Amino acid sequence: MLNFNKKVGFTLAEVLVTLGLLGVISAITIPNLAFNYRGKVLEEQFMSTYSDIKQAAVKLNDNHGGDWASYATGAGSNKWYDEFMAQFNGGNMYRAENKDWSVFADNLAAAYPKSSGRPYRYFTLSKTWTHAGACDNGGVWTDSKGRIWTFNSENAMICVDINGPARPNRLNIDNFIFIPMTSEMLSIWVYDETDNKGDYTGTIIPCDYEKLMAEGLGNKVPSKQTSNSDNIKEFKKGSGSALDACPFYWPVTNAWPVDSDGKFLPSARGIQPRSGSATTYWKDYIEYR
């Protein structure tokens, strides 16, 4: 005979064990989901920024006969910074409140609150922060997407923080550096060619920000080398200029063909970025945990 009055349920111990297991699973799963989401957001911000820069390069090259790089390196003053930032909606120079807007360090310090984990090196023992990054000319700029732009005059380099003052503020993760190259520079540093230099149109190339900073290449401009029997001077790769940190295509997953597993395939010219998967860059390198 069935006993319909019998009570069925879990004991307190069983409930506590179940809750404990759920807590462990949540502790493992939720941070991973957040980590992957943040990585995806940064990837999309980088792709958007890189696309914007490439579009700006096309327009600037059209304005300067296909060689904006030569113009930028010889323009002097802030003229080329102004022209570059004019390509971006809301491109305005940052002005720290109650400070001289022309003082670069003050503006950069104001753009990056201490709580943001500043990407640059500062001396913070006083109210004046000294910037020691590669891009310390031409002011601090913002745009409508909240990005922060700075510049280097020696090599006409462009530094951009793709997510503004937000963390992680790490080189090659959310802080990137680009350099405009002439057709001759492209043939040597990008394609490893010394012939057919006129086959290329100058463009803006991503560089390895970490390498550039670690080796102090920011202000080292490429110089002409006498390197052939005809005594004709030409650029020499590996001579210790900032261009030796370029190109840096590793984050640019849409710039290289990949196989079904996301592995990079050799490009048409045989150029191969750092080995690995095109889809794991930010997952592998962002230190959120």
C-alpha atoms as a PDB file:
ATOM      1  CA  MET A   1       0.000   0.000   0.000  1.00  0.00           C
ATOM      2  CA  LEU A   2       1.391   3.427  -0.972  1.00  0.00           C
ATOM      3  CA  ASN A   3       2.076   5.877   1.791  1.00  0.00           C
ATOM      4  CA  PHE A   4       1.071   9.294   0.453  1.00  0.00           C
ATOM      5  CA  ASN A   5       1.994  11.004   3.704  1.00  0.00           C
ATOM      6  CA  LYS A   6       5.698  10.233   3.348  1.00  0.00           C
ATOM      7  CA  LYS A   7       7.748  13.442   2.998  1.00  0.00           C
ATOM      8  CA  VAL A   8      10.306  13.601   0.174  1.00  0.00           C
ATOM      9  CA  GLY A   9      13.063  16.239   0.070  1.00  0.00           C
ATOM     10  CA  PHE A  10      16.717  17.036   0.472  1.00  0.00           C
ATOM     11  CA  THR A  11      18.595  17.121   3.704  1.00  0.00           C
ATOM     12  CA  LEU A  12      20.324  20.294   4.815  1.00  0.00           C
ATOM     13  CA  ALA A  13      23.687  18.693   4.095  1.00  0.00           C
ATOM     14  CA  GLU A  14      22.646  17.871   0.512  1.00  0.00           C
ATOM     15  CA  VAL A  15      21.421  21.415  -0.065  1.00  0.00           C
ATOM     16  CA  LEU A  16      24.669  22.880   1.272  1.00  0.00           C
ATOM     17  CA  VAL A  17      26.791  20.565  -0.908  1.00  0.00           C
ATOM     18  CA  THR A  18      24.749  21.505  -4.012  1.00  0.00           C
ATOM     19  CA  LEU A  19      25.066  25.216  -3.283  1.00  0.00           C
ATOM     20  CA  GLY A  20      28.791  24.775  -2.747  1.00  0.00           C
ATOM     21  CA  LEU A  21      29.186  23.039  -6.104  1.00  0.00           C
ATOM     22  CA  LEU A  22      27.184  25.745  -7.851  1.00  0.00           C
ATOM     23  CA  GLY A  23      29.390  28.368  -6.247  1.00  0.00           C
ATOM     24  CA  VAL A  24      32.554  26.653  -7.446  1.00  0.00           C
ATOM     25  CA  ILE A  25      31.209  26.328 -11.007  1.00  0.00           C
ATOM     26  CA  SER A  26      30.159  29.996 -11.029  1.00  0.00           C
ATOM     27  CA  ALA A  27      33.541  31.099  -9.702  1.00  0.00           C
ATOM     28  CA  ILE A  28      35.236  29.298 -12.594  1.00  0.00           C
ATOM     29  CA  THR A  29      32.788  30.110 -15.389  1.00  0.00           C
ATOM     30  CA  ILE A  30      31.776  33.751 -14.833  1.00  0.00           C
ATOM     31  CA  PRO A  31      35.328  35.229 -14.801  1.00  0.00           C
ATOM     32  CA  ASN A  32      36.143  33.296 -17.995  1.00  0.00           C
ATOM     33  CA  LEU A  33      33.017  34.621 -19.703  1.00  0.00           C
ATOM     34  CA  ALA A  34      33.835  38.170 -18.624  1.00  0.00           C
ATOM     35  CA  PHE A  35      37.462  37.741 -19.721  1.00  0.00           C
ATOM     36  CA  ASN A  36      36.439  36.506 -23.169  1.00  0.00           C
ATOM     37  CA  TYR A  37      33.859  39.259 -23.533  1.00  0.00           C
ATOM     38  CA  ARG A  38      36.389  41.977 -22.703  1.00  0.00           C
ATOM     39  CA  GLY A  39      38.818  40.465 -25.167  1.00  0.00           C
ATOM     40  CA  LYS A  40      36.172  40.473 -27.883  1.00  0.00           C
ATOM     41  CA  VAL A  41      35.305  44.108 -27.199  1.00  0.00           C
ATOM     42  CA  LEU A  42      38.959  45.123 -27.503  1.00  0.00           C
ATOM     43  CA  GLU A  43      39.305  43.143 -30.709  1.00  0.00           C
ATOM     44  CA  GLU A  44      36.329  44.959 -32.234  1.00  0.00           C
ATOM     45  CA  GLN A  45      37.666  48.336 -31.051  1.00  0.00           C
ATOM     46  CA  PHE A  46      41.030  47.601 -32.643  1.00  0.00           C
ATOM     47  CA  MET A  47      39.483  46.515 -35.938  1.00  0.00           C
ATOM     48  CA  SER A  48      37.369  49.668 -36.030  1.00  0.00           C
ATOM     49  CA  THR A  49      40.384  51.869 -35.274  1.00  0.00           C
ATOM     50  CA  TYR A  50      42.607  50.145 -37.820  1.00  0.00           C
ATOM     51  CA  SER A  51      39.903  50.501 -40.456  1.00  0.00           C
ATOM     52  CA  ASP A  52      39.536  54.206 -39.648  1.00  0.00           C
ATOM     53  CA  ILE A  53      43.298  54.723 -39.929  1.00  0.00           C
ATOM     54  CA  LYS A  54      43.480  52.935 -43.278  1.00  0.00           C
ATOM     55  CA  GLN A  55      40.642  55.098 -44.623  1.00  0.00           C
ATOM     56  CA  ALA A  56      42.424  58.222 -43.369  1.00  0.00           C
ATOM     57  CA  ALA A  57      45.632  57.071 -45.070  1.00  0.00           C
ATOM     58  CA  VAL A  58      43.867  56.707 -48.420  1.00  0.00           C
ATOM     59  CA  LYS A  59      42.446  60.210 -48.227  1.00  0.00           C
ATOM     60  CA  LEU A  60      45.707  61.771 -47.026  1.00  0.00           C
ATOM     61  CA  ASN A  61      47.659  60.048 -49.776  1.00  0.00           C
ATOM     62  CA  ASP A  62      45.189  61.391 -52.340  1.00  0.00           C
ATOM     63  CA  ASN A  63      45.724  64.879 -50.922  1.00  0.00           C
ATOM     64  CA  HIS A  64      49.506  64.597 -51.215  1.00  0.00           C
ATOM     65  CA  GLY A  65      50.144  62.784 -54.460  1.00  0.00           C
ATOM     66  CA  GLY A  66      50.259  59.277 -52.971  1.00  0.00           C
ATOM     67  CA  ASP A  67      53.052  60.101 -50.522  1.00  0.00           C
ATOM     68  CA  TRP A  68      51.611  61.506 -47.326  1.00  0.00           C
ATOM     69  CA  ALA A  69      54.491  59.953 -45.340  1.00  0.00           C
ATOM     70  CA  SER A  70      57.058  62.267 -46.943  1.00  0.00           C
ATOM     71  CA  TYR A  71      54.797  65.219 -46.261  1.00  0.00           C
ATOM     72  CA  ALA A  72      54.228  64.217 -42.611  1.00  0.00           C
ATOM     73  CA  THR A  73      57.914  63.742 -41.824  1.00  0.00           C
ATOM     74  CA  GLY A  74      58.746  67.099 -43.375  1.00  0.00           C
ATOM     75  CA  ALA A  75      55.719  69.158 -42.402  1.00  0.00           C
ATOM     76  CA  GLY A  76      57.042  70.446 -39.096  1.00  0.00           C
ATOM     77  CA  SER A  77      55.008  72.128 -36.376  1.00  0.00           C
ATOM     78  CA  ASN A  78      51.571  70.594 -35.760  1.00  0.00           C
ATOM     79  CA  LYS A  79      50.319  70.829 -39.311  1.00  0.00           C
ATOM     80  CA  TRP A  80      50.273  67.094 -40.068  1.00  0.00           C
ATOM     81  CA  TYR A  81      48.734  66.234 -36.671  1.00  0.00           C
ATOM     82  CA  ASP A  82      45.901  68.636 -37.375  1.00  0.00           C
ATOM     83  CA  GLU A  83      45.367  67.201 -40.842  1.00  0.00           C
ATOM     84  CA  PHE A  84      45.336  63.624 -39.566  1.00  0.00           C
ATOM     85  CA  MET A  85      42.898  64.310 -36.728  1.00  0.00           C
ATOM     86  CA  ALA A  86      40.608  66.201 -39.119  1.00  0.00           C
ATOM     87  CA  GLN A  87      39.792  62.795 -40.622  1.00  0.00           C
ATOM     88  CA  PHE A  88      38.065  61.694 -37.393  1.00  0.00           C
ATOM     89  CA  ASN A  89      34.718  62.854 -36.068  1.00  0.00           C
ATOM     90  CA  GLY A  90      35.140  64.951 -32.969  1.00  0.00           C
ATOM     91  CA  GLY A  91      38.907  65.090 -33.291  1.00  0.00           C
ATOM     92  CA  ASN A  92      39.808  67.732 -30.699  1.00  0.00           C
ATOM     93  CA  MET A  93      42.888  68.538 -28.689  1.00  0.00           C
ATOM     94  CA  TYR A  94      42.479  67.671 -25.014  1.00  0.00           C
ATOM     95  CA  ARG A  95      42.727  70.633 -22.680  1.00  0.00           C
ATOM     96  CA  ALA A  96      43.212  69.997 -18.988  1.00  0.00           C
ATOM     97  CA  GLU A  97      41.066  72.242 -16.817  1.00  0.00           C
ATOM     98  CA  ASN A  98      42.938  75.154 -15.217  1.00  0.00           C
ATOM     99  CA  LYS A  99      46.166  74.096 -16.925  1.00  0.00           C
ATOM    100  CA  ASP A 100      48.163  75.360 -19.858  1.00  0.00           C
ATOM    101  CA  TRP A 101      46.719  73.269 -22.706  1.00  0.00           C
ATOM    102  CA  SER A 102      50.050  73.311 -24.540  1.00  0.00           C
ATOM    103  CA  VAL A 103      51.807  71.422 -21.729  1.00  0.00           C
ATOM    104  CA  PHE A 104      51.770  67.866 -22.968  1.00  0.00           C
ATOM    105  CA  ALA A 105      52.310  66.115 -19.642  1.00  0.00           C
ATOM    106  CA  ASP A 106      49.497  68.008 -17.921  1.00  0.00           C
ATOM    107  CA  ASN A 107      47.039  67.126 -20.648  1.00  0.00           C
ATOM    108  CA  LEU A 108      48.031  63.476 -20.744  1.00  0.00           C
ATOM    109  CA  ALA A 109      47.832  63.214 -16.968  1.00  0.00           C
ATOM    110  CA  ALA A 110      44.357  64.752 -17.039  1.00  0.00           C
ATOM    111  CA  ALA A 111      43.256  62.380 -19.811  1.00  0.00           C
ATOM    112  CA  TYR A 112      44.390  59.378 -17.758  1.00  0.00           C
ATOM    113  CA  PRO A 113      43.184  59.510 -14.148  1.00  0.00           C
ATOM    114  CA  LYS A 114      45.414  57.622 -11.733  1.00  0.00           C
ATOM    115  CA  SER A 115      42.679  55.035 -11.234  1.00  0.00           C
ATOM    116  CA  SER A 116      42.796  54.073 -14.908  1.00  0.00           C
ATOM    117  CA  GLY A 117      46.195  52.398 -14.757  1.00  0.00           C
ATOM    118  CA  ARG A 118      48.150  54.801 -16.924  1.00  0.00           C
ATOM    119  CA  PRO A 119      49.834  53.302 -19.967  1.00  0.00           C
ATOM    120  CA  TYR A 120      52.764  55.692 -19.839  1.00  0.00           C
ATOM    121  CA  ARG A 121      55.586  56.187 -17.353  1.00  0.00           C
ATOM    122  CA  TYR A 122      55.199  59.027 -14.933  1.00  0.00           C
ATOM    123  CA  PHE A 123      57.061  60.534 -12.039  1.00  0.00           C
ATOM    124  CA  THR A 124      54.190  60.899  -9.586  1.00  0.00           C
ATOM    125  CA  LEU A 125      55.970  62.436  -6.611  1.00  0.00           C
ATOM    126  CA  SER A 126      54.645  65.870  -7.554  1.00  0.00           C
ATOM    127  CA  LYS A 127      51.641  67.252  -9.385  1.00  0.00           C
ATOM    128  CA  THR A 128      53.604  67.360 -12.632  1.00  0.00           C
ATOM    129  CA  TRP A 129      53.786  64.043 -14.470  1.00  0.00           C
ATOM    130  CA  THR A 130      56.593  63.500 -16.935  1.00  0.00           C
ATOM    131  CA  HIS A 131      55.710  61.441 -19.986  1.00  0.00           C
ATOM    132  CA  ALA A 132      58.286  58.956 -21.240  1.00  0.00           C
ATOM    133  CA  GLY A 133      56.356  57.326 -24.035  1.00  0.00           C
ATOM    134  CA  ALA A 134      57.183  57.261 -27.736  1.00  0.00           C
ATOM    135  CA  CYS A 135      54.508  59.789 -28.717  1.00  0.00           C
ATOM    136  CA  ASP A 136      55.040  63.029 -26.836  1.00  0.00           C
ATOM    137  CA  ASN A 137      54.480  65.717 -29.467  1.00  0.00           C
ATOM    138  CA  GLY A 138      51.541  67.541 -30.980  1.00  0.00           C
ATOM    139  CA  GLY A 139      49.215  67.499 -28.006  1.00  0.00           C
ATOM    140  CA  VAL A 140      46.728  64.971 -26.684  1.00  0.00           C
ATOM    141  CA  TRP A 141      43.642  64.415 -28.835  1.00  0.00           C
ATOM    142  CA  THR A 142      40.290  62.705 -28.404  1.00  0.00           C
ATOM    143  CA  ASP A 143      37.592  61.754 -30.897  1.00  0.00           C
ATOM    144  CA  SER A 144      33.907  60.875 -30.908  1.00  0.00           C
ATOM    145  CA  LYS A 145      34.667  57.203 -30.152  1.00  0.00           C
ATOM    146  CA  GLY A 146      36.480  58.133 -26.945  1.00  0.00           C
ATOM    147  CA  ARG A 147      39.916  57.180 -28.268  1.00  0.00           C
ATOM    148  CA  ILE A 148      43.031  59.053 -27.137  1.00  0.00           C
ATOM    149  CA  TRP A 149      45.621  60.026 -29.773  1.00  0.00           C
ATOM    150  CA  THR A 150      49.206  61.247 -29.354  1.00  0.00           C
ATOM    151  CA  PHE A 151      52.036  61.734 -31.842  1.00  0.00           C
ATOM    152  CA  ASN A 152      55.767  61.494 -32.443  1.00  0.00           C
ATOM    153  CA  SER A 153      57.306  64.214 -34.619  1.00  0.00           C
ATOM    154  CA  GLU A 154      60.627  62.549 -35.460  1.00  0.00           C
ATOM    155  CA  ASN A 155      59.046  59.625 -37.318  1.00  0.00           C
ATOM    156  CA  ALA A 156      55.518  60.999 -37.731  1.00  0.00           C
ATOM    157  CA  MET A 157      54.287  58.110 -35.568  1.00  0.00           C
ATOM    158  CA  ILE A 158      50.685  57.888 -34.404  1.00  0.00           C
ATOM    159  CA  CYS A 159      49.811  56.442 -30.989  1.00  0.00           C
ATOM    160  CA  VAL A 160      46.221  55.571 -30.145  1.00  0.00           C
ATOM    161  CA  ASP A 161      44.497  54.167 -27.083  1.00  0.00           C
ATOM    162  CA  ILE A 162      41.576  52.326 -28.659  1.00  0.00           C
ATOM    163  CA  ASN A 163      39.400  52.388 -25.514  1.00  0.00           C
ATOM    164  CA  GLY A 164      40.416  55.726 -24.043  1.00  0.00           C
ATOM    165  CA  PRO A 165      41.484  55.832 -20.396  1.00  0.00           C
ATOM    166  CA  ALA A 166      39.830  52.475 -19.606  1.00  0.00           C
ATOM    167  CA  ARG A 167      42.005  49.552 -18.554  1.00  0.00           C
ATOM    168  CA  PRO A 168      44.082  47.505 -19.199  1.00  0.00           C
ATOM    169  CA  ASN A 169      46.184  50.319 -20.752  1.00  0.00           C
ATOM    170  CA  ARG A 170      48.901  48.011 -22.031  1.00  0.00           C
ATOM    171  CA  LEU A 171      51.096  48.326 -25.093  1.00  0.00           C
ATOM    172  CA  ASN A 172      49.906  46.239 -28.057  1.00  0.00           C
ATOM    173  CA  ILE A 173      46.706  45.398 -26.167  1.00  0.00           C
ATOM    174  CA  ASP A 174      44.720  48.618 -26.115  1.00  0.00           C
ATOM    175  CA  ASN A 175      47.579  51.024 -26.903  1.00  0.00           C
ATOM    176  CA  PHE A 176      48.932  50.804 -30.448  1.00  0.00           C
ATOM    177  CA  ILE A 177      51.402  52.698 -32.585  1.00  0.00           C
ATOM    178  CA  PHE A 178      51.346  53.290 -36.340  1.00  0.00           C
ATOM    179  CA  ILE A 179      53.760  54.918 -38.752  1.00  0.00           C
ATOM    180  CA  PRO A 180      53.227  56.362 -42.253  1.00  0.00           C
ATOM    181  CA  MET A 181      55.659  54.843 -44.762  1.00  0.00           C
ATOM    182  CA  THR A 182      56.741  56.074 -48.169  1.00  0.00           C
ATOM    183  CA  SER A 183      56.741  53.645 -51.100  1.00  0.00           C
ATOM    184  CA  GLU A 184      60.476  53.094 -50.623  1.00  0.00           C
ATOM    185  CA  MET A 185      60.059  52.377 -46.908  1.00  0.00           C
ATOM    186  CA  LEU A 186      57.249  49.924 -47.660  1.00  0.00           C
ATOM    187  CA  SER A 187      59.379  48.038 -50.160  1.00  0.00           C
ATOM    188  CA  ILE A 188      62.227  47.622 -47.643  1.00  0.00           C
ATOM    189  CA  TRP A 189      60.591  47.202 -44.222  1.00  0.00           C
ATOM    190  CA  VAL A 190      57.353  45.495 -45.225  1.00  0.00           C
ATOM    191  CA  TYR A 191      58.165  43.544 -48.380  1.00  0.00           C
ATOM    192  CA  ASP A 192      61.953  43.046 -47.998  1.00  0.00           C
ATOM    193  CA  GLU A 193      62.538  44.359 -51.510  1.00  0.00           C
ATOM    194  CA  THR A 194      65.095  46.852 -52.734  1.00  0.00           C
ATOM    195  CA  ASP A 195      63.847  46.813 -56.313  1.00  0.00           C
ATOM    196  CA  ASN A 196      60.507  47.993 -57.700  1.00  0.00           C
ATOM    197  CA  LYS A 197      60.199  50.690 -55.048  1.00  0.00           C
ATOM    198  CA  GLY A 198      57.764  52.603 -57.184  1.00  0.00           C
ATOM    199  CA  ASP A 199      55.246  49.773 -57.164  1.00  0.00           C
ATOM    200  CA  TYR A 200      53.782  50.815 -53.822  1.00  0.00           C
ATOM    201  CA  THR A 201      51.660  53.654 -52.511  1.00  0.00           C
ATOM    202  CA  GLY A 202      52.609  54.960 -49.109  1.00  0.00           C
ATOM    203  CA  THR A 203      50.338  53.927 -46.268  1.00  0.00           C
ATOM    204  CA  ILE A 204      50.151  53.773 -42.469  1.00  0.00           C
ATOM    205  CA  ILE A 205      51.618  50.591 -40.953  1.00  0.00           C
ATOM    206  CA  PRO A 206      51.113  49.125 -37.439  1.00  0.00           C
ATOM    207  CA  CYS A 207      54.299  48.724 -35.384  1.00  0.00           C
ATOM    208  CA  ASP A 208      55.325  46.706 -32.329  1.00  0.00           C
ATOM    209  CA  TYR A 209      54.869  49.225 -29.506  1.00  0.00           C
ATOM    210  CA  GLU A 210      56.576  46.991 -26.923  1.00  0.00           C
ATOM    211  CA  LYS A 211      59.654  46.448 -29.105  1.00  0.00           C
ATOM    212  CA  LEU A 212      59.816  50.109 -30.003  1.00  0.00           C
ATOM    213  CA  MET A 213      59.761  51.155 -26.341  1.00  0.00           C
ATOM    214  CA  ALA A 214      62.038  48.385 -25.059  1.00  0.00           C
ATOM    215  CA  GLU A 215      64.736  49.218 -27.607  1.00  0.00           C
ATOM    216  CA  GLY A 216      64.288  52.988 -27.437  1.00  0.00           C
ATOM    217  CA  LEU A 217      63.528  53.333 -31.142  1.00  0.00           C
ATOM    218  CA  GLY A 218      60.891  56.070 -30.921  1.00  0.00           C
ATOM    219  CA  ASN A 219      63.042  59.035 -31.951  1.00  0.00           C
ATOM    220  CA  LYS A 220      65.506  57.141 -34.156  1.00  0.00           C
ATOM    221  CA  VAL A 221      64.794  58.082 -37.741  1.00  0.00           C
ATOM    222  CA  PRO A 222      65.843  55.913 -40.704  1.00  0.00           C
ATOM    223  CA  SER A 223      68.946  57.235 -42.401  1.00  0.00           C
ATOM    224  CA  LYS A 224      70.250  56.640 -45.875  1.00  0.00           C
ATOM    225  CA  GLN A 225      73.028  54.041 -46.095  1.00  0.00           C
ATOM    226  CA  THR A 226      75.633  53.680 -48.863  1.00  0.00           C
ATOM    227  CA  SER A 227      75.224  49.973 -49.512  1.00  0.00           C
ATOM    228  CA  ASN A 228      75.903  49.094 -53.142  1.00  0.00           C
ATOM    229  CA  SER A 229      78.625  49.197 -55.750  1.00  0.00           C
ATOM    230  CA  ASP A 230      77.134  52.236 -57.448  1.00  0.00           C
ATOM    231  CA  ASN A 231      77.605  54.253 -54.261  1.00  0.00           C
ATOM    232  CA  ILE A 232      73.874  55.092 -54.179  1.00  0.00           C
ATOM    233  CA  LYS A 233      72.448  55.743 -50.748  1.00  0.00           C
ATOM    234  CA  GLU A 234      69.322  53.846 -49.730  1.00  0.00           C
ATOM    235  CA  PHE A 235      67.412  52.905 -46.609  1.00  0.00           C
ATOM    236  CA  LYS A 236      68.766  49.906 -44.765  1.00  0.00           C
ATOM    237  CA  LYS A 237      66.564  47.597 -42.718  1.00  0.00           C
ATOM    238  CA  GLY A 238      67.992  46.697 -39.317  1.00  0.00           C
ATOM    239  CA  SER A 239      69.976  49.910 -38.903  1.00  0.00           C
ATOM    240  CA  GLY A 240      68.264  50.730 -35.605  1.00  0.00           C
ATOM    241  CA  SER A 241      65.481  53.096 -36.626  1.00  0.00           C
ATOM    242  CA  ALA A 242      61.903  53.099 -35.393  1.00  0.00           C
ATOM    243  CA  LEU A 243      60.860  51.308 -38.577  1.00  0.00           C
ATOM    244  CA  ASP A 244      62.679  48.198 -37.361  1.00  0.00           C
ATOM    245  CA  ALA A 245      59.677  47.650 -35.052  1.00  0.00           C
ATOM    246  CA  CYS A 246      57.360  47.629 -38.067  1.00  0.00           C
ATOM    247  CA  PRO A 247      55.246  46.049 -39.332  1.00  0.00           C
ATOM    248  CA  PHE A 248      53.412  44.422 -36.433  1.00  0.00           C
ATOM    249  CA  TYR A 249      50.495  42.554 -37.986  1.00  0.00           C
ATOM    250  CA  TRP A 250      49.804  40.110 -35.185  1.00  0.00           C
ATOM    251  CA  PRO A 251      46.553  41.670 -33.890  1.00  0.00           C
ATOM    252  CA  VAL A 252      45.273  42.381 -37.384  1.00  0.00           C
ATOM    253  CA  THR A 253      43.317  39.191 -37.912  1.00  0.00           C
ATOM    254  CA  ASN A 254      41.582  40.505 -41.015  1.00  0.00           C
ATOM    255  CA  ALA A 255      44.856  41.373 -42.761  1.00  0.00           C
ATOM    256  CA  TRP A 256      45.994  37.788 -43.273  1.00  0.00           C
ATOM    257  CA  PRO A 257      44.393  34.655 -44.736  1.00  0.00           C
ATOM    258  CA  VAL A 258      43.635  31.983 -42.129  1.00  0.00           C
ATOM    259  CA  ASP A 259      42.740  28.310 -42.345  1.00  0.00           C
ATOM    260  CA  SER A 260      39.679  26.632 -40.828  1.00  0.00           C
ATOM    261  CA  ASP A 261      41.420  26.462 -37.426  1.00  0.00           C
ATOM    262  CA  GLY A 262      42.211  30.158 -37.403  1.00  0.00           C
ATOM    263  CA  LYS A 263      45.913  29.608 -38.112  1.00  0.00           C
ATOM    264  CA  PHE A 264      47.686  32.173 -40.251  1.00  0.00           C
ATOM    265  CA  LEU A 265      48.539  31.155 -43.808  1.00  0.00           C
ATOM    266  CA  PRO A 266      51.563  32.642 -45.630  1.00  0.00           C
ATOM    267  CA  SER A 267      50.653  35.804 -47.502  1.00  0.00           C
ATOM    268  CA  ALA A 268      51.069  36.193 -51.239  1.00  0.00           C
ATOM    269  CA  ARG A 269      54.475  37.768 -50.677  1.00  0.00           C
ATOM    270  CA  GLY A 270      55.532  35.162 -48.146  1.00  0.00           C
ATOM    271  CA  ILE A 271      55.307  37.505 -45.163  1.00  0.00           C
ATOM    272  CA  GLN A 272      54.436  35.607 -42.004  1.00  0.00           C
ATOM    273  CA  PRO A 273      53.291  37.286 -38.757  1.00  0.00           C
ATOM    274  CA  ARG A 274      54.047  35.845 -35.354  1.00  0.00           C
ATOM    275  CA  SER A 275      53.023  32.177 -35.285  1.00  0.00           C
ATOM    276  CA  GLY A 276      49.776  31.266 -33.577  1.00  0.00           C
ATOM    277  CA  SER A 277      46.051  31.622 -33.936  1.00  0.00           C
ATOM    278  CA  ALA A 278      44.438  34.751 -35.302  1.00  0.00           C
ATOM    279  CA  THR A 279      41.555  34.435 -32.868  1.00  0.00           C
ATOM    280  CA  THR A 280      43.358  34.165 -29.518  1.00  0.00           C
ATOM    281  CA  TYR A 281      45.494  37.322 -29.363  1.00  0.00           C
ATOM    282  CA  TRP A 282      43.550  39.239 -26.740  1.00  0.00           C
ATOM    283  CA  LYS A 283      42.537  36.103 -24.837  1.00  0.00           C
ATOM    284  CA  ASP A 284      46.204  35.174 -24.441  1.00  0.00           C
ATOM    285  CA  TYR A 285      47.593  38.597 -23.574  1.00  0.00           C
ATOM    286  CA  ILE A 286      45.093  40.593 -21.530  1.00  0.00           C
ATOM    287  CA  GLU A 287      45.836  40.231 -17.823  1.00  0.00           C
ATOM    288  CA  TYR A 288      42.390  40.730 -16.376  1.00  0.00           C
ATOM    289  CA  ARG A 289      42.661  37.815 -14.004  1.00  0.00           C
END
